[in-house]
Amino acid sequence: MNKFIMFTNKYEKLEQMPQLPGVYIMYDVGGNIIYIGKSKNLKNRISSYFNADVNSKSTTIITAMCKINYILCASEREALLIERQLIRKIKPYFNIMWKDDKSYPYIKLSINEDFPRLILTRKNLEDNALYFGPYPKIFYIKKLVRWLEKLFKLRSCKMNIIENLLPKEKKVKSCIYYHTKMCPGPCLGKITSKDYKNKIKDIKLFLNGKLKKLRNEWKKQMFSLSKNMHYEEAKEIRDRLYAFENMSERVIINEVFQKDVDKLVQKAKGINELKIVLKLKHQPVIIEGFDNSNMQGTNAVASVVRFQNGIADKKNYRRFKIKTVLGADDFASMKEIVFRRYSSLIKKREKMPDLILIDGGKGQLNAALNALKKLEIQIPIISLAKKKEEVFMPSKDKSLILSRHSEALKLLQSIRNESHRVAINYHRKLREKIKI
């Protein structure tokens, strides 16, 4: 095939595409969006178009296409949701022409019934029930629904049970679920609708991913079972955790409009360009930025902000009061907060960033690097000095100057500016408290 394809920026070739979840957007020669798709591995999916059978749909798209952009996503589920929203709003030609009936599963909680049930469905109806999803994979969700029924002792039958109009006893008294104590027996009048619905409060919390304590307990059980070679039991909990993560993961982008596509594509470009210019092994999907602030050496504070796929992840912002440094010592303060941040992540076994960005020059960078060495961890780390927007790296004597039009620089600047804003606001807040 002798067609020329232009990728998202001048640095990028097909082999440099990220092997990460995302949404890909295909354009024709006139700049019109002709197809939108999603994948858990962008590189593999886009490569498959160029290896497709000559009579396939993929070949038809390639023939009409001259450019591909992509949006990085935190997960396959986020990619699914963004893909669906974009297709619904933009209505690309090939998506509409090849529209099929493929739908993804939801978990339905039938709170519109006297005795609600958990139901797997591919239709999201306006029937006053609660719907959770959609989810890209049904296997783990199906297993989890069955487990939830056992855990919360919900009925699994399909009967329409009305509290004031129960079925005849002879029809339901032999129910094996009731006799094995897997169901509280609403059909036999053994539990009121009010008491039964009290269970639903916990179910809602669970399906909204708000049971962190339970998740941590599962992880401990899984490690213990595996350590004692109870692999089947450990696998069951692993599958349960996988389903829970799939349901409870935070989708950063709630709604995507056509005008947002360019912004999201630019963020993906910045991440990919950073990987190339910094010679990183992986795309810096998660970047954390540090800054500190003080006024004449008093009320010294610091901040760390986290960006995921170029988007501020405010849930994981942290603010610090400097504890071990007297006076205005930016280097010592930086060393303290970097040490405190990552010793905390290590202790909690939480995910480390792919790249650390320090606000400052070589001195601040070396101070932060010393903290990482003390913790005996290796995370790619750079600093950005504001005066000339120089990028300093531990292994380089000279700084790196990026073009002011560089998407990588724009991304670093947005993270640096955000960390500065958070630190300054925290410092002002403490000063106002002292005045009062």
Protein backbone atom coordinates (compact mmCIF):
# COMPACT_ATOMS: atom_id res chain seq x y z
CA MET A 1 0.00 0.00 0.00
CA ASN A 2 1.61 3.28 -1.08
CA LYS A 3 -0.56 5.61 0.95
CA PHE A 4 1.19 8.17 3.18
CA ILE A 5 -0.13 8.40 6.73
CA MET A 6 0.61 11.44 8.92
CA PHE A 7 0.74 10.61 12.61
CA THR A 8 0.16 12.91 15.56
CA ASN A 9 3.48 14.76 15.46
CA LYS A 10 6.80 15.05 13.67
CA TYR A 11 8.57 12.77 16.17
CA GLU A 12 6.21 9.90 15.82
CA LYS A 13 6.26 6.82 13.66
CA LEU A 14 4.02 3.80 13.82
CA GLU A 15 6.50 1.80 15.89
CA GLN A 16 6.57 4.60 18.47
CA MET A 17 2.84 4.46 19.10
CA PRO A 18 2.08 3.76 22.80
CA GLN A 19 1.01 0.29 23.84
CA LEU A 20 -1.62 1.81 26.13
CA PRO A 21 -5.41 2.10 26.27
CA GLY A 22 -6.88 4.89 24.22
CA VAL A 23 -9.18 6.19 21.51
CA TYR A 24 -7.91 6.62 17.96
CA ILE A 25 -9.35 9.18 15.55
CA MET A 26 -8.98 8.87 11.77
CA TYR A 27 -9.22 11.81 9.35
CA ASP A 28 -9.59 12.12 5.60
CA VAL A 29 -7.60 14.49 3.38
CA GLY A 30 -10.06 17.31 4.11
CA GLY A 31 -9.52 17.02 7.87
CA ASN A 32 -12.91 15.39 8.50
CA ILE A 33 -13.16 12.70 11.17
CA ILE A 34 -14.18 9.51 9.35
CA TYR A 35 -13.75 6.84 12.03
CA ILE A 36 -13.34 6.60 15.81
CA GLY A 37 -12.29 3.42 17.60
CA LYS A 38 -10.93 2.33 20.98
CA SER A 39 -8.36 -0.21 22.06
CA LYS A 40 -6.57 -1.43 25.16
CA ASN A 41 -3.35 -1.35 23.08
CA LEU A 42 -3.24 1.51 20.56
CA LYS A 43 -0.09 0.37 18.78
CA ASN A 44 -1.37 -3.16 18.14
CA ARG A 45 -4.79 -1.98 17.05
CA ILE A 46 -3.58 0.67 14.60
CA SER A 47 -0.93 -1.71 13.22
CA SER A 48 -3.66 -4.25 12.48
CA TYR A 49 -5.24 -1.86 9.95
CA PHE A 50 -2.12 -2.03 7.79
CA ASN A 51 -2.05 -5.84 7.87
CA ALA A 52 -5.73 -6.40 7.16
CA ASP A 53 -7.18 -8.56 4.40
CA VAL A 54 -7.72 -6.64 1.17
CA ASN A 55 -11.50 -7.15 1.33
CA SER A 56 -11.90 -6.13 4.98
CA LYS A 57 -13.45 -2.99 6.44
CA SER A 58 -10.00 -1.94 7.67
CA THR A 59 -8.70 -1.64 4.12
CA THR A 60 -11.63 0.57 3.20
CA ILE A 61 -10.81 2.94 6.08
CA ILE A 62 -7.08 3.02 5.26
CA THR A 63 -7.86 3.93 1.66
CA ALA A 64 -9.86 6.97 2.77
CA MET A 65 -7.57 8.03 5.63
CA CYS A 66 -4.59 10.41 5.66
CA LYS A 67 -4.07 11.14 9.38
CA ILE A 68 -4.44 9.38 12.73
CA ASN A 69 -4.61 11.05 16.14
CA TYR A 70 -5.18 9.39 19.46
CA ILE A 71 -6.31 10.15 23.00
CA LEU A 72 -4.57 8.30 25.84
CA CYS A 73 -6.91 6.89 28.48
CA ALA A 74 -6.41 5.60 31.99
CA SER A 75 -8.03 2.27 31.20
CA GLU A 76 -9.93 0.26 28.61
CA ARG A 77 -13.17 1.26 30.29
CA GLU A 78 -12.39 4.97 30.03
CA ALA A 79 -11.53 4.45 26.36
CA LEU A 80 -14.88 2.73 25.84
CA LEU A 81 -16.82 5.59 27.43
CA ILE A 82 -14.96 8.30 25.51
CA GLU A 83 -15.33 6.39 22.23
CA ARG A 84 -19.09 6.08 22.72
CA GLN A 85 -19.47 9.77 23.58
CA LEU A 86 -17.43 10.96 20.61
CA ILE A 87 -19.24 8.71 18.13
CA ARG A 88 -22.60 9.88 19.45
CA LYS A 89 -21.68 13.57 19.10
CA ILE A 90 -19.52 13.56 15.94
CA LYS A 91 -21.21 10.69 14.02
CA PRO A 92 -18.20 9.77 11.80
CA TYR A 93 -19.06 8.40 8.37
CA PHE A 94 -17.69 4.87 8.76
CA ASN A 95 -18.97 4.45 12.32
CA ILE A 96 -22.49 5.25 11.13
CA MET A 97 -22.22 3.19 7.94
CA TRP A 98 -21.01 0.10 9.82
CA LYS A 99 -23.12 0.59 12.90
CA ASP A 100 -23.78 -2.75 14.57
CA ASP A 101 -25.81 -3.85 17.56
CA LYS A 102 -22.79 -4.55 19.77
CA SER A 103 -23.46 -3.29 23.27
CA TYR A 104 -21.58 -3.58 26.54
CA PRO A 105 -22.91 -4.97 29.81
CA TYR A 106 -24.33 -2.96 32.69
CA ILE A 107 -25.14 -4.06 36.22
CA LYS A 108 -28.74 -3.20 37.00
CA LEU A 109 -29.92 -2.79 40.59
CA SER A 110 -33.72 -2.99 40.45
CA ILE A 111 -34.53 -0.53 43.26
CA ASN A 112 -37.91 -0.03 41.56
CA GLU A 113 -38.94 -3.42 43.01
CA ASP A 114 -39.97 -4.15 46.60
CA PHE A 115 -37.13 -6.67 46.82
CA PRO A 116 -34.39 -5.52 44.42
CA ARG A 117 -32.13 -7.84 42.41
CA LEU A 118 -28.78 -7.54 40.66
CA ILE A 119 -29.20 -8.14 36.93
CA LEU A 120 -26.67 -8.22 34.09
CA THR A 121 -28.10 -6.41 31.08
CA ARG A 122 -26.99 -4.80 27.84
CA LYS A 123 -29.81 -2.24 27.87
CA ASN A 124 -29.88 0.93 29.93
CA LEU A 125 -33.59 1.63 30.25
CA GLU A 126 -35.45 4.53 31.88
CA ASP A 127 -37.26 2.34 34.42
CA ASN A 128 -36.18 3.99 37.70
CA ALA A 129 -33.61 1.27 38.35
CA LEU A 130 -29.92 2.02 38.99
CA TYR A 131 -27.41 1.16 36.26
CA PHE A 132 -23.66 0.80 36.69
CA GLY A 133 -21.31 0.58 33.72
CA PRO A 134 -20.86 -0.06 30.91
CA TYR A 135 -17.98 -2.51 31.31
CA PRO A 136 -15.74 -3.75 28.47
CA LYS A 137 -15.42 -7.30 29.83
CA ILE A 138 -18.36 -9.35 31.04
CA PHE A 139 -16.51 -12.43 32.40
CA TYR A 140 -15.24 -10.87 35.64
CA ILE A 141 -18.35 -8.76 36.16
CA LYS A 142 -20.57 -11.83 35.89
CA LYS A 143 -18.52 -13.65 38.54
CA LEU A 144 -18.62 -10.65 40.83
CA VAL A 145 -22.40 -10.27 40.58
CA ARG A 146 -22.82 -13.88 41.67
CA TRP A 147 -20.42 -13.28 44.56
CA LEU A 148 -22.29 -10.11 45.60
CA GLU A 149 -25.55 -12.04 45.74
CA LYS A 150 -23.92 -14.47 48.15
CA LEU A 151 -22.18 -11.78 50.21
CA PHE A 152 -25.24 -9.58 50.68
CA LYS A 153 -27.73 -12.46 50.53
CA LEU A 154 -29.79 -10.99 47.73
CA ARG A 155 -32.38 -13.04 45.94
CA SER A 156 -31.27 -14.32 42.55
CA CYS A 157 -34.66 -15.50 41.27
CA LYS A 158 -36.58 -13.70 38.52
CA MET A 159 -39.88 -13.59 40.37
CA ASN A 160 -41.74 -10.29 40.64
CA ILE A 161 -42.24 -10.27 44.42
CA ILE A 162 -44.65 -7.66 45.78
CA GLU A 163 -44.65 -7.26 49.57
CA ASN A 164 -48.44 -7.13 49.97
CA LEU A 165 -49.10 -9.78 47.33
CA LEU A 166 -46.75 -12.70 48.06
CA PRO A 167 -46.94 -15.91 46.03
CA LYS A 168 -48.59 -19.00 47.50
CA GLU A 169 -46.37 -20.76 50.04
CA LYS A 170 -46.49 -24.17 48.34
CA LYS A 171 -45.04 -22.58 45.21
CA VAL A 172 -41.90 -21.24 46.91
CA LYS A 173 -41.40 -23.13 50.20
CA SER A 174 -39.01 -25.63 48.62
CA CYS A 175 -36.61 -22.91 47.34
CA ILE A 176 -33.06 -24.22 47.78
CA TYR A 177 -31.63 -20.71 48.14
CA TYR A 178 -33.78 -20.05 51.20
CA HIS A 179 -33.07 -23.40 52.83
CA THR A 180 -29.30 -23.01 52.31
CA LYS A 181 -29.51 -19.49 53.80
CA MET A 182 -28.35 -17.85 50.57
CA CYS A 183 -31.58 -15.82 50.43
CA PRO A 184 -33.55 -14.25 53.33
CA GLY A 185 -36.86 -15.52 51.91
CA PRO A 186 -38.82 -12.41 50.89
CA CYS A 187 -41.22 -14.60 48.92
CA LEU A 188 -42.14 -16.36 52.18
CA GLY A 189 -42.60 -13.12 54.12
CA LYS A 190 -39.45 -13.77 56.18
CA ILE A 191 -38.12 -10.22 55.67
CA THR A 192 -39.83 -6.88 55.08
CA SER A 193 -39.11 -4.71 52.07
CA LYS A 194 -37.68 -2.02 54.36
CA ASP A 195 -35.20 -4.39 56.03
CA TYR A 196 -34.27 -5.95 52.71
CA LYS A 197 -33.57 -2.54 51.18
CA ASN A 198 -31.17 -1.70 54.01
CA LYS A 199 -28.80 -4.12 52.26
CA ILE A 200 -29.05 -1.99 49.15
CA LYS A 201 -27.22 0.91 50.81
CA ASP A 202 -24.05 -1.19 51.02
CA ILE A 203 -24.56 -2.51 47.49
CA LYS A 204 -24.70 1.08 46.17
CA LEU A 205 -21.48 1.95 47.99
CA PHE A 206 -19.82 -1.15 46.62
CA LEU A 207 -20.84 -0.59 43.02
CA ASN A 208 -19.71 3.04 43.28
CA GLY A 209 -16.28 1.82 44.40
CA LYS A 210 -16.40 3.30 47.91
CA LEU A 211 -15.34 0.27 49.91
CA LYS A 212 -11.60 0.84 50.07
CA LYS A 213 -11.31 -1.08 53.33
CA LEU A 214 -12.83 -4.17 51.76
CA ARG A 215 -10.52 -3.96 48.75
CA ASN A 216 -7.45 -3.77 51.01
CA GLU A 217 -8.70 -6.76 52.98
CA TRP A 218 -9.09 -8.77 49.77
CA LYS A 219 -5.51 -7.97 48.80
CA LYS A 220 -4.21 -9.22 52.15
CA GLN A 221 -6.23 -12.42 51.80
CA MET A 222 -4.97 -12.98 48.27
CA PHE A 223 -1.30 -12.58 49.25
CA SER A 224 -1.76 -14.83 52.28
CA LEU A 225 -3.47 -17.57 50.28
CA SER A 226 -0.85 -17.40 47.56
CA LYS A 227 1.97 -17.53 50.10
CA ASN A 228 0.44 -20.68 51.58
CA MET A 229 0.01 -22.18 48.09
CA HIS A 230 -3.79 -22.01 48.09
CA TYR A 231 -3.70 -20.87 44.50
CA GLU A 232 -7.31 -21.57 43.51
CA GLU A 233 -8.68 -19.51 46.40
CA ALA A 234 -6.16 -16.75 45.67
CA LYS A 235 -7.21 -16.75 42.01
CA GLU A 236 -10.87 -16.33 43.01
CA ILE A 237 -10.04 -13.24 45.06
CA ARG A 238 -7.80 -11.94 42.26
CA ASP A 239 -10.71 -12.17 39.81
CA ARG A 240 -12.94 -10.44 42.34
CA LEU A 241 -10.40 -7.63 42.71
CA TYR A 242 -10.06 -7.33 38.95
CA ALA A 243 -13.79 -6.90 38.59
CA PHE A 244 -13.89 -4.43 41.46
CA GLU A 245 -11.12 -2.32 39.89
CA ASN A 246 -12.97 -2.46 36.58
CA MET A 247 -16.11 -1.12 38.22
CA SER A 248 -14.66 1.39 40.64
CA GLU A 249 -11.91 2.99 38.56
CA ARG A 250 -12.27 6.73 38.34
CA VAL A 251 -13.04 7.93 34.84
CA ILE A 252 -11.32 11.31 34.65
CA ILE A 253 -13.18 12.64 31.60
CA ASN A 254 -16.92 12.62 32.24
CA GLU A 255 -18.04 14.08 28.94
CA VAL A 256 -16.16 14.77 25.74
CA PHE A 257 -17.37 17.24 23.12
CA GLN A 258 -16.00 17.66 19.64
CA LYS A 259 -14.16 20.86 20.67
CA ASP A 260 -12.32 18.85 23.35
CA VAL A 261 -10.84 16.36 20.89
CA ASP A 262 -7.96 18.64 19.85
CA LYS A 263 -7.06 19.35 23.49
CA LEU A 264 -6.97 15.67 24.35
CA VAL A 265 -4.91 14.88 21.27
CA GLN A 266 -2.45 17.63 22.21
CA LYS A 267 -1.99 16.08 25.66
CA ALA A 268 -1.28 12.71 24.06
CA LYS A 269 1.27 14.38 21.78
CA GLY A 270 2.96 15.98 24.76
CA ILE A 271 3.24 12.68 26.60
CA ASN A 272 4.67 10.90 23.56
CA GLU A 273 7.10 13.73 22.83
CA LEU A 274 8.31 13.67 26.46
CA LYS A 275 9.07 9.97 26.14
CA ILE A 276 11.18 10.67 23.06
CA VAL A 277 13.09 13.79 24.11
CA LEU A 278 13.79 12.47 27.63
CA LYS A 279 14.61 8.99 26.24
CA LEU A 280 12.26 7.28 28.69
CA LYS A 281 11.50 3.57 28.50
CA HIS A 282 7.75 4.11 28.85
CA GLN A 283 5.19 6.82 28.20
CA PRO A 284 5.03 9.15 31.24
CA VAL A 285 1.32 8.60 31.77
CA ILE A 286 1.48 9.61 35.45
CA ILE A 287 3.56 12.71 36.23
CA GLU A 288 3.95 14.27 39.67
CA GLY A 289 5.09 17.89 40.12
CA PHE A 290 6.70 19.38 43.27
CA ASP A 291 7.07 22.96 44.47
CA ASN A 292 7.67 24.67 47.80
CA SER A 293 6.81 28.13 49.12
CA ASN A 294 7.82 30.35 52.04
CA MET A 295 7.78 34.04 52.95
CA GLN A 296 11.06 35.23 54.49
CA GLY A 297 11.66 31.74 55.80
CA THR A 298 8.35 31.43 57.66
CA ASN A 299 5.44 29.03 57.22
CA ALA A 300 7.41 26.91 54.74
CA VAL A 301 5.06 24.64 52.81
CA ALA A 302 5.16 22.45 49.72
CA SER A 303 2.85 20.73 47.28
CA VAL A 304 2.75 17.71 45.02
CA VAL A 305 0.29 17.51 42.15
CA ARG A 306 -0.45 14.44 40.05
CA PHE A 307 -1.39 14.46 36.36
CA GLN A 308 -2.67 11.35 34.61
CA ASN A 309 -2.70 11.33 30.81
CA GLY A 310 -2.07 15.07 30.93
CA ILE A 311 -5.14 15.71 33.10
CA ALA A 312 -5.01 17.03 36.68
CA ASP A 313 -5.82 14.22 39.12
CA LYS A 314 -6.82 16.44 42.06
CA LYS A 315 -7.78 13.50 44.22
CA ASN A 316 -4.07 12.72 44.49
CA TYR A 317 -2.82 16.24 45.25
CA ARG A 318 -0.94 16.58 48.57
CA ARG A 319 0.11 19.58 50.67
CA PHE A 320 2.94 19.58 53.22
CA LYS A 321 4.17 21.72 56.10
CA ILE A 322 7.98 21.63 56.14
CA LYS A 323 9.02 19.95 59.40
CA THR A 324 12.79 19.45 59.44
CA VAL A 325 14.11 22.64 57.81
CA LEU A 326 14.72 25.94 59.61
CA GLY A 327 14.59 29.13 57.56
CA ALA A 328 14.43 29.48 53.79
CA ASP A 329 16.31 26.50 52.37
CA ASP A 330 14.67 25.40 49.12
CA PHE A 331 17.07 22.50 48.57
CA ALA A 332 16.58 20.93 52.00
CA SER A 333 12.82 21.53 51.80
CA MET A 334 12.63 19.80 48.42
CA LYS A 335 14.58 16.83 49.73
CA GLU A 336 12.22 16.53 52.70
CA ILE A 337 8.96 16.57 50.75
CA VAL A 338 10.15 14.18 48.04
CA PHE A 339 11.31 11.77 50.74
CA ARG A 340 8.02 12.06 52.64
CA ARG A 341 5.90 11.65 49.51
CA TYR A 342 7.51 8.45 48.26
CA SER A 343 8.14 6.85 51.62
CA SER A 344 4.37 7.21 52.10
CA LEU A 345 3.59 5.62 48.69
CA ILE A 346 5.99 2.76 49.46
CA LYS A 347 4.39 2.16 52.84
CA LYS A 348 0.87 2.17 51.38
CA ARG A 349 1.94 0.15 48.31
CA GLU A 350 0.43 2.75 46.03
CA LYS A 351 1.32 3.38 42.41
CA MET A 352 4.48 5.36 41.71
CA PRO A 353 4.59 8.03 38.97
CA ASP A 354 6.26 7.47 35.61
CA LEU A 355 8.03 10.84 35.85
CA ILE A 356 8.78 13.39 38.59
CA LEU A 357 8.94 17.11 37.76
CA ILE A 358 10.71 19.46 40.18
CA ASP A 359 10.14 23.22 40.04
CA GLY A 360 13.63 24.73 39.96
CA GLY A 361 17.12 24.24 38.65
CA LYS A 362 19.97 21.82 39.12
CA GLY A 363 20.14 22.39 42.89
CA GLN A 364 16.50 21.48 43.52
CA LEU A 365 16.84 18.50 41.19
CA ASN A 366 19.88 17.13 43.03
CA ALA A 367 18.14 17.57 46.38
CA ALA A 368 15.14 15.56 45.14
CA LEU A 369 17.43 12.95 43.60
CA ASN A 370 19.19 12.48 46.96
CA ALA A 371 15.81 11.73 48.55
CA LEU A 372 15.12 9.02 45.95
CA LYS A 373 18.58 7.52 46.50
CA LYS A 374 17.96 7.42 50.24
CA LEU A 375 14.73 5.51 49.59
CA GLU A 376 16.57 3.26 47.11
CA ILE A 377 14.01 3.77 44.36
CA GLN A 378 14.53 4.69 40.73
CA ILE A 379 11.97 6.98 39.09
CA PRO A 380 12.76 9.21 36.09
CA ILE A 381 13.13 12.77 37.42
CA ILE A 382 13.70 16.19 35.83
CA SER A 383 13.42 19.84 36.84
CA LEU A 384 12.10 22.88 34.99
CA ALA A 385 13.73 26.26 35.69
CA LYS A 386 11.30 29.08 35.04
CA LYS A 387 13.60 31.88 33.79
CA LYS A 388 14.63 30.22 30.53
CA GLU A 389 12.31 27.18 30.82
CA GLU A 390 15.36 24.92 30.94
CA VAL A 391 14.87 21.19 31.53
CA PHE A 392 17.56 19.67 33.76
CA MET A 393 18.23 15.93 33.90
CA PRO A 394 20.42 14.05 36.41
CA SER A 395 22.62 12.44 33.76
CA LYS A 396 23.20 15.60 31.69
CA ASP A 397 25.54 18.51 32.41
CA LYS A 398 23.76 20.81 29.99
CA SER A 399 20.10 21.72 30.19
CA LEU A 400 17.58 20.85 27.49
CA ILE A 401 15.79 23.75 25.78
CA LEU A 402 12.52 22.74 24.16
CA SER A 403 10.77 24.79 21.50
CA ARG A 404 8.16 27.12 22.96
CA HIS A 405 5.71 25.44 20.56
CA SER A 406 6.60 22.01 21.93
CA GLU A 407 3.64 20.08 23.34
CA ALA A 408 6.04 18.44 25.81
CA LEU A 409 7.06 21.85 27.18
CA LYS A 410 3.43 22.98 27.40
CA LEU A 411 2.59 19.88 29.42
CA LEU A 412 5.53 20.40 31.79
CA GLN A 413 4.62 24.07 32.21
CA SER A 414 1.00 23.23 33.07
CA ILE A 415 2.15 20.76 35.75
CA ARG A 416 4.79 23.15 37.14
CA ASN A 417 2.31 26.04 37.25
CA GLU A 418 -0.28 23.90 39.00
CA SER A 419 2.15 22.74 41.68
CA HIS A 420 3.17 26.38 42.21
CA ARG A 421 -0.47 27.49 42.48
CA VAL A 422 -1.30 24.82 45.07
CA ALA A 423 1.78 25.62 47.18
CA ILE A 424 1.15 29.39 47.10
CA ASN A 425 -2.53 28.98 48.02
CA TYR A 426 -1.63 26.72 50.94
CA HIS A 427 0.97 29.21 52.17
CA ARG A 428 -1.54 32.09 51.99
CA LYS A 429 -4.12 30.04 53.86
CA LEU A 430 -1.70 29.40 56.73
CA ARG A 431 -0.73 33.08 56.87
CA GLU A 432 -4.38 34.13 57.06
CA LYS A 433 -4.93 31.75 59.98
CA ILE A 434 -2.03 33.34 61.86
CA LYS A 435 -3.44 36.85 61.30
CA ILE A 436 -6.78 35.76 62.72
